[in-house]
Amino acid sequence: MFGSGGPLLKLEGIVKRFGPIVALNNVNFHVNYGEVVGLVGDNGAGKSTLAKIIVGYHRPDRGRIFFEGREVRFKSPADARRAGIEIVYQDMALVPYMSIYRNLFLNREVVKRIGPFKVLDKRKMKELTLKLLRDIGIKEHDPDISISKLSGGERQSVAIARAVHFGAKLVILDEPTSALSIKESERVLEYVLELKKRGVSSIIISHNIYHVYAVSDRIVVLDRGHKVLDIPRDAATPEEIIDVIAHRKAPEEISRKAEALA
């Protein structure tokens, strides 16, 4: 157990195996309050497995997880969501031909009582949707239109806004700029920084090191299930991070540089 001055999320000695494959080997990881952590590595490094363990999709074979200073054992993403951890996957988990407001409140619909019955409070959900759209810079859209009418960047922003609206304290973004245009990617990254201003912590997982570097406070590199680097962003250039991932530069070299700058 750690005190109130500790991190928002802390993982200790996480091990995860899939048959003979060790996906994560004794990984320690943490996220501070109001911090953006970039989680990077090559394919098969263990990034997605770590994210799925955090949200309760996978159970670790060994290790401990703490959230807000208390040990947790999430049995499902619903458990993590109730605690305040949301994950926004690459496909955004949105229903393309459903309206914007229905997507925002999917499985969390606002209801009202009419006599002995509970019915959907569509008016309230639409009002809240308009406010959320304005908050994320989408002003021209009717909450009744299909979410498929939005651009990729707008849909990604809606998915993130949905997580925050329902009280997320930590948002995990899995390849949030994948398949987006340059302008759309910039908007999503701006929104990640906006979350930080609101005190919401984030983990951003991406193959695009430059996108991660633009918004992160700290960079964590996984390599074949091992954590090989954990440094403040400004302790290395994006090119040096890429060189570590590509095995062109030893992570210890970057770690020593970071320690010298501390």
Protein backbone atom coordinates (compact mmCIF):
# COMPACT_ATOMS: atom_id res chain seq x y z
CA MET A 1 0.00 0.00 0.00
CA PHE A 2 1.21 3.53 -0.70
CA GLY A 3 0.06 6.84 0.69
CA SER A 4 -2.10 9.60 -0.71
CA GLY A 5 0.98 11.11 -2.34
CA GLY A 6 1.44 8.04 -4.54
CA PRO A 7 0.43 7.54 -8.15
CA LEU A 8 -3.11 7.17 -9.44
CA LEU A 9 -2.32 3.75 -10.92
CA LYS A 10 0.49 1.40 -9.94
CA LEU A 11 1.28 -2.09 -11.24
CA GLU A 12 3.87 -4.23 -9.46
CA GLY A 13 5.59 -7.29 -10.91
CA ILE A 14 2.95 -8.06 -13.53
CA VAL A 15 3.37 -11.41 -15.27
CA LYS A 16 1.04 -12.68 -17.99
CA ARG A 17 1.42 -15.91 -19.95
CA PHE A 18 -0.56 -17.28 -22.86
CA GLY A 19 0.45 -20.94 -22.92
CA PRO A 20 4.22 -21.07 -23.42
CA ILE A 21 4.37 -17.39 -24.43
CA VAL A 22 5.29 -14.87 -21.73
CA ALA A 23 3.50 -11.71 -22.84
CA LEU A 24 4.56 -9.66 -19.80
CA ASN A 25 7.49 -10.49 -17.54
CA ASN A 26 7.69 -8.77 -14.14
CA VAL A 27 6.48 -5.40 -15.42
CA ASN A 28 6.26 -2.41 -13.07
CA PHE A 29 4.23 0.51 -14.37
CA HIS A 30 2.56 3.60 -12.94
CA VAL A 31 0.58 6.69 -13.93
CA ASN A 32 0.54 9.81 -11.78
CA TYR A 33 -2.45 12.06 -11.23
CA GLY A 34 -2.94 14.38 -14.22
CA GLU A 35 -0.15 12.68 -16.18
CA VAL A 36 -0.01 11.51 -19.79
CA VAL A 37 2.11 8.39 -20.25
CA GLY A 38 3.15 7.23 -23.70
CA LEU A 39 3.29 3.43 -23.90
CA VAL A 40 5.26 2.34 -26.95
CA GLY A 41 7.02 -0.65 -28.43
CA ASP A 42 7.08 -2.85 -31.50
CA ASN A 43 4.39 -5.40 -32.40
CA GLY A 44 4.29 -8.11 -29.75
CA ALA A 45 5.90 -5.91 -27.12
CA GLY A 46 3.00 -6.40 -24.69
CA LYS A 47 1.35 -2.96 -24.87
CA SER A 48 -2.19 -4.15 -25.54
CA THR A 49 -1.87 -6.97 -23.02
CA LEU A 50 -0.83 -4.50 -20.34
CA ALA A 51 -3.76 -2.23 -21.20
CA LYS A 52 -6.20 -5.14 -21.06
CA ILE A 53 -4.87 -6.16 -17.66
CA ILE A 54 -5.37 -2.64 -16.36
CA VAL A 55 -9.04 -2.64 -17.43
CA GLY A 56 -9.78 -6.17 -16.25
CA TYR A 57 -10.07 -7.85 -19.63
CA HIS A 58 -7.15 -10.12 -18.69
CA ARG A 59 -6.18 -11.25 -15.20
CA PRO A 60 -2.44 -11.24 -14.44
CA ASP A 61 -0.83 -14.54 -13.53
CA ARG A 62 1.23 -12.73 -10.95
CA GLY A 63 1.56 -9.21 -9.65
CA ARG A 64 -0.50 -6.52 -7.93
CA ILE A 65 -2.54 -3.56 -9.16
CA PHE A 66 -3.29 -0.44 -7.13
CA PHE A 67 -5.70 2.33 -8.06
CA GLU A 68 -6.05 5.49 -5.98
CA GLY A 69 -3.94 3.89 -3.28
CA ARG A 70 -5.93 0.69 -2.88
CA GLU A 71 -5.24 -2.75 -4.27
CA VAL A 72 -7.79 -3.77 -6.91
CA ARG A 73 -8.65 -7.00 -8.68
CA PHE A 74 -10.86 -6.13 -11.62
CA LYS A 75 -12.78 -9.11 -12.97
CA SER A 76 -14.08 -7.28 -16.04
CA PRO A 77 -13.87 -3.93 -17.87
CA ALA A 78 -17.15 -3.05 -16.14
CA ASP A 79 -15.35 -3.27 -12.77
CA ALA A 80 -12.58 -0.98 -14.04
CA ARG A 81 -15.14 1.43 -15.48
CA ARG A 82 -16.94 1.70 -12.15
CA ALA A 83 -13.61 2.53 -10.52
CA GLY A 84 -12.93 5.28 -13.07
CA ILE A 85 -10.78 3.62 -15.75
CA GLU A 86 -11.94 3.74 -19.37
CA ILE A 87 -10.31 2.41 -22.52
CA VAL A 88 -10.94 3.81 -26.00
CA TYR A 89 -9.98 1.15 -28.54
CA GLN A 90 -8.77 1.74 -32.07
CA ASP A 91 -12.24 0.99 -33.47
CA MET A 92 -13.76 3.32 -30.82
CA ALA A 93 -16.56 0.85 -29.96
CA LEU A 94 -19.14 3.13 -31.60
CA VAL A 95 -22.22 1.91 -33.48
CA PRO A 96 -21.89 3.51 -36.95
CA TYR A 97 -25.57 3.83 -37.84
CA MET A 98 -26.78 4.87 -34.42
CA SER A 99 -27.25 8.56 -33.59
CA ILE A 100 -24.59 10.58 -31.80
CA TYR A 101 -26.62 10.84 -28.62
CA ARG A 102 -27.45 7.13 -28.54
CA ASN A 103 -23.75 6.31 -28.95
CA LEU A 104 -22.82 8.64 -26.12
CA PHE A 105 -25.28 7.02 -23.74
CA LEU A 106 -25.07 3.45 -25.02
CA ASN A 107 -25.72 1.11 -22.06
CA ARG A 108 -25.85 4.17 -19.77
CA GLU A 109 -29.11 5.69 -20.91
CA VAL A 110 -30.75 8.46 -18.90
CA VAL A 111 -34.26 7.44 -17.83
CA LYS A 112 -37.23 9.17 -16.27
CA ARG A 113 -40.36 7.92 -14.57
CA ILE A 114 -43.80 8.22 -16.09
CA GLY A 115 -46.11 6.78 -13.51
CA PRO A 116 -44.83 3.31 -12.59
CA PHE A 117 -42.72 3.04 -15.76
CA LYS A 118 -39.17 4.05 -16.62
CA VAL A 119 -38.64 5.46 -20.12
CA LEU A 120 -35.68 6.95 -21.95
CA ASP A 121 -35.23 10.66 -21.30
CA LYS A 122 -34.29 11.51 -24.87
CA ARG A 123 -34.56 15.25 -24.34
CA LYS A 124 -32.09 15.17 -21.45
CA MET A 125 -29.65 12.97 -23.38
CA LYS A 126 -29.79 15.28 -26.41
CA GLU A 127 -29.20 18.36 -24.26
CA LEU A 128 -26.18 16.72 -22.63
CA THR A 129 -24.92 15.59 -26.03
CA LEU A 130 -25.03 19.14 -27.41
CA LYS A 131 -23.04 20.38 -24.42
CA LEU A 132 -20.46 17.60 -24.85
CA LEU A 133 -20.13 18.33 -28.56
CA ARG A 134 -19.54 22.01 -27.83
CA ASP A 135 -16.98 21.11 -25.17
CA ILE A 136 -14.93 19.11 -27.68
CA GLY A 137 -15.26 21.69 -30.43
CA ILE A 138 -18.02 20.05 -32.53
CA LYS A 139 -20.67 22.76 -32.77
CA GLU A 140 -22.52 22.16 -36.02
CA HIS A 141 -23.93 18.66 -35.54
CA ASP A 142 -27.43 17.58 -34.57
CA PRO A 143 -27.34 14.90 -31.81
CA ASP A 144 -29.94 12.94 -33.83
CA ILE A 145 -27.75 12.38 -36.87
CA SER A 146 -25.84 9.13 -37.40
CA ILE A 147 -22.39 9.15 -35.86
CA SER A 148 -21.12 7.82 -39.20
CA LYS A 149 -21.59 11.35 -40.54
CA LEU A 150 -18.76 12.61 -38.33
CA SER A 151 -15.14 12.58 -39.42
CA GLY A 152 -12.78 10.01 -37.97
CA GLY A 153 -11.22 12.58 -35.67
CA GLU A 154 -14.62 13.76 -34.47
CA ARG A 155 -15.72 10.20 -33.73
CA GLN A 156 -12.54 9.59 -31.77
CA SER A 157 -13.15 12.78 -29.78
CA VAL A 158 -16.73 11.68 -29.07
CA ALA A 159 -15.48 8.31 -27.79
CA ILE A 160 -13.03 10.06 -25.45
CA ALA A 161 -15.66 12.59 -24.34
CA ARG A 162 -18.02 9.74 -23.52
CA ALA A 163 -15.44 8.22 -21.21
CA VAL A 164 -14.78 11.52 -19.43
CA HIS A 165 -18.48 12.38 -19.12
CA PHE A 166 -19.05 9.23 -17.11
CA GLY A 167 -16.36 10.10 -14.60
CA ALA A 168 -13.17 8.54 -15.95
CA LYS A 169 -10.08 9.37 -13.90
CA LEU A 170 -7.79 7.45 -16.24
CA VAL A 171 -8.37 7.09 -19.99
CA ILE A 172 -6.38 4.55 -22.03
CA LEU A 173 -6.16 5.42 -25.72
CA ASP A 174 -5.26 2.51 -27.99
CA GLU A 175 -3.89 3.84 -31.30
CA PRO A 176 -6.13 6.95 -31.17
CA THR A 177 -4.72 8.52 -34.34
CA SER A 178 -4.60 5.39 -36.47
CA ALA A 179 -6.13 5.96 -39.92
CA LEU A 180 -6.80 9.64 -39.20
CA SER A 181 -5.70 12.55 -41.37
CA ILE A 182 -2.99 14.91 -40.12
CA LYS A 183 -5.55 17.54 -39.13
CA GLU A 184 -7.80 15.00 -37.40
CA SER A 185 -4.84 13.55 -35.54
CA GLU A 186 -3.87 17.00 -34.32
CA ARG A 187 -7.39 17.57 -32.99
CA VAL A 188 -7.40 14.29 -31.06
CA LEU A 189 -3.98 15.06 -29.57
CA GLU A 190 -5.23 18.52 -28.56
CA TYR A 191 -8.09 16.84 -26.78
CA VAL A 192 -5.68 14.58 -24.88
CA LEU A 193 -3.95 17.72 -23.62
CA GLU A 194 -7.35 19.17 -22.71
CA LEU A 195 -8.03 16.09 -20.58
CA LYS A 196 -4.79 16.75 -18.72
CA LYS A 197 -5.91 20.30 -17.98
CA ARG A 198 -9.07 18.82 -16.47
CA GLY A 199 -6.98 16.56 -14.25
CA VAL A 200 -7.71 13.35 -16.16
CA SER A 201 -4.74 11.02 -16.57
CA SER A 202 -4.11 9.23 -19.86
CA ILE A 203 -2.12 6.36 -21.30
CA ILE A 204 -1.59 6.75 -25.04
CA ILE A 205 -0.56 3.64 -26.99
CA SER A 206 0.63 4.27 -30.51
CA HIS A 207 3.11 3.20 -33.16
CA ASN A 208 3.46 6.87 -34.10
CA ILE A 209 6.22 7.99 -31.74
CA TYR A 210 5.87 11.62 -32.84
CA HIS A 211 2.20 11.69 -31.81
CA VAL A 212 3.05 10.13 -28.45
CA TYR A 213 5.93 12.53 -27.94
CA ALA A 214 3.72 15.55 -28.66
CA VAL A 215 1.44 14.96 -25.66
CA SER A 216 3.23 12.70 -23.15
CA ASP A 217 4.93 13.67 -19.92
CA ARG A 218 6.71 10.33 -19.71
CA ILE A 219 7.60 7.57 -22.16
CA VAL A 220 7.55 3.85 -21.28
CA VAL A 221 8.99 1.34 -23.75
CA LEU A 222 8.10 -2.35 -23.71
CA ASP A 223 10.16 -4.92 -25.59
CA ARG A 224 8.99 -8.55 -25.83
CA GLY A 225 7.18 -8.36 -22.51
CA HIS A 226 9.85 -6.47 -20.59
CA LYS A 227 9.84 -2.82 -19.60
CA VAL A 228 13.15 -1.54 -20.93
CA LEU A 229 12.74 2.21 -20.59
CA ASP A 230 10.77 4.62 -18.37
CA ILE A 231 11.88 8.23 -18.73
CA PRO A 232 10.59 11.80 -18.79
CA ARG A 233 9.73 12.73 -22.37
CA ASP A 234 12.34 15.47 -22.58
CA ALA A 235 15.14 13.07 -21.64
CA ALA A 236 15.20 11.63 -25.18
CA THR A 237 14.28 12.64 -28.70
CA PRO A 238 11.63 10.77 -30.70
CA GLU A 239 14.44 9.40 -32.88
CA GLU A 240 16.25 7.99 -29.84
CA ILE A 241 13.04 6.27 -28.70
CA ILE A 242 12.64 4.79 -32.17
CA ASP A 243 16.26 3.58 -32.07
CA VAL A 244 15.59 1.80 -28.74
CA ILE A 245 12.49 0.10 -30.14
CA ALA A 246 14.40 -0.93 -33.27
CA HIS A 247 17.33 -2.24 -31.15
CA ARG A 248 19.73 0.28 -32.68
CA LYS A 249 20.41 1.91 -29.31
CA ALA A 250 20.69 0.34 -25.86
CA PRO A 251 17.95 1.53 -23.47
CA GLU A 252 20.55 1.78 -20.72
CA GLU A 253 22.23 4.56 -22.67
CA ILE A 254 19.01 6.59 -22.65
CA SER A 255 18.37 5.79 -18.98
CA ARG A 256 21.80 7.10 -18.01
CA LYS A 257 21.14 10.26 -19.97
CA ALA A 258 17.82 10.72 -18.18
CA GLU A 259 19.44 10.22 -14.77
CA ALA A 260 22.10 12.80 -15.62
CA LEU A 261 19.42 15.34 -16.50
CA ALA A 262 17.35 14.66 -13.36
